[in-house]
């Protein structure tokens, strides 16, 4: 007899720019490095792992590959399965201010600040991604990794999980990751120009159709993916998982969700 899996709640970290993309509705997908990585000669398979007719969660998908003919490795997605909830951890601080005080200092989401009663006193969480450069007595910003669940203002529901290598990303997926094309002061689209064949000329942003001789402008799809590759490297290259390494990644698609009731 199959037992339906309970909805699970897991934390997920996002940087300030990605939090703003979530709030704007531009980000509905994230890619995270699979750890450990399958060996280069392995052929990973992602899908339901049959655990037996009487075992709960038998439809939970795992990434499976063989390290050698005598053994195999199975890895569940650490960010959950479709239907599970994610609460976003972001840079935050504690402030015992009223909604009016928060709004007066430029916090555009003041009415939605999570509150936790501590020793009889309401304690509010404020979030750096919505901070509008008001330098006053705001207290100490705390790292996102230490943000408790009660302070989360963004909840996401997982709608799909799959595994691929990072360079398999499509144009549509790049937009879903929240990338933005830069624009000029006049509002014109800026295209990224490719380096020359020798790789000596740095990539640069110029108005559409005005790239250097011998450097054709990227297409819209190439531009979106190029932007995502830059973002990926900023976060992962120093850790050995850069774009050129083409690591296997968890691709998690989600939608906004309401915070569960206590």
Protein backbone atom coordinates (compact mmCIF):
# COMPACT_ATOMS: atom_id res chain seq x y z
CA UNK A 1 0.00 0.00 0.00
CA UNK A 2 1.40 3.36 -1.02
CA UNK A 3 1.38 6.16 1.56
CA UNK A 4 1.32 9.76 0.34
CA UNK A 5 4.43 11.70 1.26
CA UNK A 6 3.99 14.52 3.74
CA UNK A 7 4.83 18.04 2.60
CA UNK A 8 8.26 18.94 3.92
CA UNK A 9 9.71 22.36 4.64
CA UNK A 10 13.33 23.14 3.81
CA UNK A 11 15.46 26.30 3.87
CA UNK A 12 17.13 27.66 0.74
CA UNK A 13 19.62 30.55 0.55
CA UNK A 14 19.40 33.36 -1.99
CA UNK A 15 21.59 36.43 -2.52
CA UNK A 16 20.17 39.95 -2.37
CA UNK A 17 19.77 40.36 -6.17
CA UNK A 18 18.02 37.00 -6.42
CA UNK A 19 15.71 37.87 -3.51
CA UNK A 20 14.71 41.00 -5.41
CA UNK A 21 14.09 38.88 -8.51
CA UNK A 22 11.84 36.62 -6.42
CA UNK A 23 9.93 39.60 -5.07
CA UNK A 24 9.54 41.00 -8.62
CA UNK A 25 8.23 37.65 -9.89
CA UNK A 26 11.13 37.29 -12.34
CA UNK A 27 12.68 34.22 -10.74
CA UNK A 28 10.90 30.86 -10.79
CA UNK A 29 13.87 28.52 -11.07
CA UNK A 30 17.21 27.89 -9.40
CA UNK A 31 20.23 25.69 -10.14
CA UNK A 32 22.34 24.22 -7.36
CA UNK A 33 25.47 22.06 -7.62
CA UNK A 34 25.00 18.33 -7.12
CA UNK A 35 27.29 17.19 -4.32
CA UNK A 36 29.11 14.92 -4.72
CA UNK A 37 29.45 15.15 -8.49
CA UNK A 38 29.03 11.98 -10.56
CA UNK A 39 32.29 10.71 -11.98
CA UNK A 40 33.06 11.87 -15.48
CA UNK A 41 32.62 8.37 -16.91
CA UNK A 42 29.31 7.80 -15.10
CA UNK A 43 25.89 8.10 -16.74
CA UNK A 44 23.58 9.53 -14.07
CA UNK A 45 19.88 8.72 -14.20
CA UNK A 46 17.30 10.81 -12.35
CA UNK A 47 13.85 9.50 -11.51
CA UNK A 48 11.72 7.56 -9.05
CA UNK A 49 13.62 4.95 -7.06
CA UNK A 50 11.52 1.85 -6.38
CA UNK A 51 11.77 1.04 -2.69
CA UNK A 52 9.11 -1.64 -2.44
CA UNK A 53 5.30 -1.85 -2.51
CA UNK A 54 4.86 -1.08 1.20
CA UNK A 55 7.40 1.72 1.55
CA UNK A 56 6.27 5.34 1.88
CA UNK A 57 7.72 7.98 -0.46
CA UNK A 58 8.40 5.36 -3.12
CA UNK A 59 7.96 7.99 -5.81
CA UNK A 60 10.72 10.19 -4.38
CA UNK A 61 13.19 10.86 -7.17
CA UNK A 62 16.88 10.14 -6.75
CA UNK A 63 19.95 10.77 -8.87
CA UNK A 64 21.55 7.38 -9.40
CA UNK A 65 24.88 6.46 -10.98
CA UNK A 66 27.47 3.71 -10.82
CA UNK A 67 30.90 4.50 -9.42
CA UNK A 68 32.11 1.10 -10.56
CA UNK A 69 30.55 -2.21 -11.68
CA UNK A 70 30.16 -3.38 -8.08
CA UNK A 71 28.53 -0.28 -6.54
CA UNK A 72 26.16 2.55 -7.26
CA UNK A 73 25.42 5.91 -5.71
CA UNK A 74 21.93 7.27 -5.03
CA UNK A 75 21.25 10.84 -4.02
CA UNK A 76 17.88 12.49 -3.21
CA UNK A 77 17.43 16.15 -4.06
CA UNK A 78 18.27 18.18 -0.93
CA UNK A 79 15.75 20.82 -2.01
CA UNK A 80 12.78 18.48 -1.91
CA UNK A 81 10.28 17.05 -4.32
CA UNK A 82 7.29 18.62 -6.11
CA UNK A 83 4.81 19.80 -3.51
CA UNK A 84 7.41 20.50 -0.82
CA UNK A 85 7.89 24.01 0.58
CA UNK A 86 11.04 26.12 0.66
CA UNK A 87 11.49 29.12 2.92
CA UNK A 88 14.00 31.67 1.68
CA UNK A 89 16.93 32.56 3.89
CA UNK A 90 18.30 36.04 3.19
CA UNK A 91 20.44 38.64 4.96
CA UNK A 92 18.32 39.95 7.81
CA UNK A 93 18.27 41.83 11.10
CA UNK A 94 16.06 42.20 14.16
CA UNK A 95 14.35 45.47 14.91
CA UNK A 96 11.55 46.27 17.34
CA UNK A 97 9.99 48.99 15.18
CA UNK A 98 6.38 49.56 14.25
CA UNK A 99 5.15 49.28 10.65
CA UNK A 100 5.01 53.09 10.47
CA UNK A 101 8.61 53.46 11.63
CA UNK A 102 9.81 50.84 9.14
CA UNK A 103 7.89 52.44 6.28
CA UNK A 104 9.28 55.88 7.12
CA UNK A 105 12.80 54.49 6.63
CA UNK A 106 12.06 53.20 3.14
CA UNK A 107 11.22 49.55 3.77
CA UNK A 108 8.70 48.94 1.03
CA UNK A 109 7.47 45.66 2.53
CA UNK A 110 7.00 47.05 6.05
CA UNK A 111 3.50 45.62 6.63
CA UNK A 112 4.72 42.09 5.89
CA UNK A 113 7.69 41.87 8.25
CA UNK A 114 7.53 38.57 10.13
CA UNK A 115 7.14 38.93 13.87
CA UNK A 116 8.12 36.60 16.69
CA UNK A 117 7.12 37.27 20.29
CA UNK A 118 10.22 36.96 22.48
CA UNK A 119 9.87 37.31 26.25
CA UNK A 120 6.55 39.04 25.70
CA UNK A 121 7.98 41.60 23.23
CA UNK A 122 7.20 41.50 19.48
CA UNK A 123 10.46 41.09 17.58
CA UNK A 124 10.45 41.96 13.87
CA UNK A 125 12.68 40.72 11.10
CA UNK A 126 13.83 43.18 8.44
CA UNK A 127 15.56 42.14 5.24
CA UNK A 128 18.55 43.74 3.56
CA UNK A 129 17.25 43.18 0.01
CA UNK A 130 14.52 45.75 0.75
CA UNK A 131 16.84 48.16 2.53
CA UNK A 132 16.75 51.60 0.91
CA UNK A 133 20.08 53.04 2.15
CA UNK A 134 18.68 54.47 5.37
CA UNK A 135 21.69 54.33 7.63
CA UNK A 136 20.01 54.97 11.02
CA UNK A 137 19.89 52.68 14.00
CA UNK A 138 19.10 49.46 12.15
CA UNK A 139 21.18 47.09 14.21
CA UNK A 140 23.50 44.42 12.87
CA UNK A 141 22.81 42.61 9.60
CA UNK A 142 22.91 38.86 10.13
CA UNK A 143 24.08 36.25 7.58
CA UNK A 144 21.33 34.51 5.64
CA UNK A 145 22.50 31.07 6.76
CA UNK A 146 21.53 31.99 10.34
CA UNK A 147 18.03 33.23 9.53
CA UNK A 148 15.38 31.24 11.47
CA UNK A 149 12.22 29.98 9.84
CA UNK A 150 9.99 32.48 11.69
CA UNK A 151 11.84 35.38 10.01
CA UNK A 152 11.16 34.13 6.46
CA UNK A 153 8.96 36.40 4.37
CA UNK A 154 9.21 34.39 1.11
CA UNK A 155 7.87 30.86 0.79
CA UNK A 156 8.10 28.79 -2.40
CA UNK A 157 6.38 25.57 -3.48
CA UNK A 158 8.49 23.16 -5.55
CA UNK A 159 6.74 22.29 -8.82
CA UNK A 160 9.49 20.34 -10.60
CA UNK A 161 12.94 18.86 -9.98
CA UNK A 162 15.34 17.53 -12.57
CA UNK A 163 19.08 17.03 -13.08
CA UNK A 164 21.21 18.30 -15.94
CA UNK A 165 24.59 19.87 -16.59
CA UNK A 166 24.65 23.61 -16.14
CA UNK A 167 25.50 24.36 -19.79
CA UNK A 168 22.26 22.65 -20.87
CA UNK A 169 20.29 25.70 -19.73
CA UNK A 170 17.92 27.11 -22.37
CA UNK A 171 17.01 30.71 -23.09
CA UNK A 172 13.67 30.24 -21.35
CA UNK A 173 15.37 28.79 -18.30
CA UNK A 174 17.82 31.71 -18.20
CA UNK A 175 14.90 34.15 -17.99
CA UNK A 176 13.30 31.94 -15.34
CA UNK A 177 16.53 32.25 -13.36
CA UNK A 178 15.90 35.99 -13.17
CA UNK A 179 18.57 37.36 -15.53
CA UNK A 180 18.13 40.89 -16.85
CA UNK A 181 19.55 42.42 -20.02
CA UNK A 182 21.35 45.71 -19.35
CA UNK A 183 19.94 48.83 -20.92
CA UNK A 184 21.48 52.21 -21.69
CA UNK A 185 20.48 55.47 -20.01
CA UNK A 186 18.13 56.10 -22.93
CA UNK A 187 16.49 52.70 -22.46
CA UNK A 188 18.08 50.94 -25.43
CA UNK A 189 19.07 47.31 -25.17
CA UNK A 190 22.79 46.70 -24.77
CA UNK A 191 24.22 43.61 -26.41
CA UNK A 192 27.24 41.75 -25.12
CA UNK A 193 30.02 41.51 -27.69
CA UNK A 194 31.94 38.26 -27.95
CA UNK A 195 35.70 38.20 -27.32
CA UNK A 196 37.82 37.79 -30.44
CA UNK A 197 38.99 34.36 -31.53
CA UNK A 198 42.20 34.64 -29.54
CA UNK A 199 40.19 35.48 -26.43
CA UNK A 200 42.25 38.63 -25.84
CA UNK A 201 39.56 41.27 -26.18
CA UNK A 202 37.31 41.38 -23.11
CA UNK A 203 33.58 41.05 -23.53
CA UNK A 204 31.85 44.42 -23.39
CA UNK A 205 28.36 45.86 -23.59
CA UNK A 206 27.51 48.14 -26.51
CA UNK A 207 24.26 49.30 -28.12
CA UNK A 208 22.61 46.71 -30.33
CA UNK A 209 24.46 46.36 -33.64
CA UNK A 210 27.53 48.36 -32.57
CA UNK A 211 30.01 45.66 -31.62
CA UNK A 212 33.66 45.86 -32.55
CA UNK A 213 34.75 44.67 -35.99
CA UNK A 214 35.19 40.91 -35.90
CA UNK A 215 33.00 40.59 -32.79
CA UNK A 216 29.46 39.73 -33.87
CA UNK A 217 26.70 40.58 -31.40
CA UNK A 218 25.18 37.71 -29.49
CA UNK A 219 21.62 36.70 -30.20
CA UNK A 220 18.98 37.33 -27.55
CA UNK A 221 19.17 33.67 -26.48
CA UNK A 222 22.96 33.73 -26.33
CA UNK A 223 22.84 36.98 -24.39
CA UNK A 224 20.47 35.57 -21.76
CA UNK A 225 22.58 32.44 -21.32
CA UNK A 226 25.78 34.50 -21.27
CA UNK A 227 24.40 36.64 -18.47
CA UNK A 228 23.46 33.55 -16.53
CA UNK A 229 26.93 32.06 -17.06
CA UNK A 230 28.45 35.22 -15.56
CA UNK A 231 26.10 34.99 -12.58
CA UNK A 232 26.91 31.30 -12.15
CA UNK A 233 30.65 31.96 -12.13
CA UNK A 234 30.31 34.74 -9.57
CA UNK A 235 28.77 32.25 -7.16
CA UNK A 236 30.49 28.99 -8.03
CA UNK A 237 33.78 29.40 -9.93
CA UNK A 238 35.92 29.87 -6.82
CA UNK A 239 34.48 26.67 -5.38
CA UNK A 240 35.56 24.64 -8.40
CA UNK A 241 32.15 24.44 -10.07
CA UNK A 242 32.51 27.16 -12.71
CA UNK A 243 30.62 27.34 -15.99
CA UNK A 244 33.51 25.80 -17.96
CA UNK A 245 33.57 22.80 -15.58
CA UNK A 246 29.96 22.14 -16.62
CA UNK A 247 28.92 20.48 -13.35
CA UNK A 248 25.75 18.48 -12.81
CA UNK A 249 23.10 20.61 -11.11
CA UNK A 250 19.75 20.25 -9.45
CA UNK A 251 17.20 22.30 -11.41
CA UNK A 252 14.41 23.32 -9.05
CA UNK A 253 11.32 25.07 -10.41
CA UNK A 254 8.93 26.72 -7.98
CA UNK A 255 6.03 29.09 -7.47
CA UNK A 256 5.28 31.52 -4.68
CA UNK A 257 3.37 30.06 -1.75
CA UNK A 258 1.76 31.23 1.45
CA UNK A 259 3.57 30.62 4.72
CA UNK A 260 2.09 27.55 6.42
CA UNK A 261 -0.08 28.18 9.42
CA UNK A 262 1.50 27.45 12.80
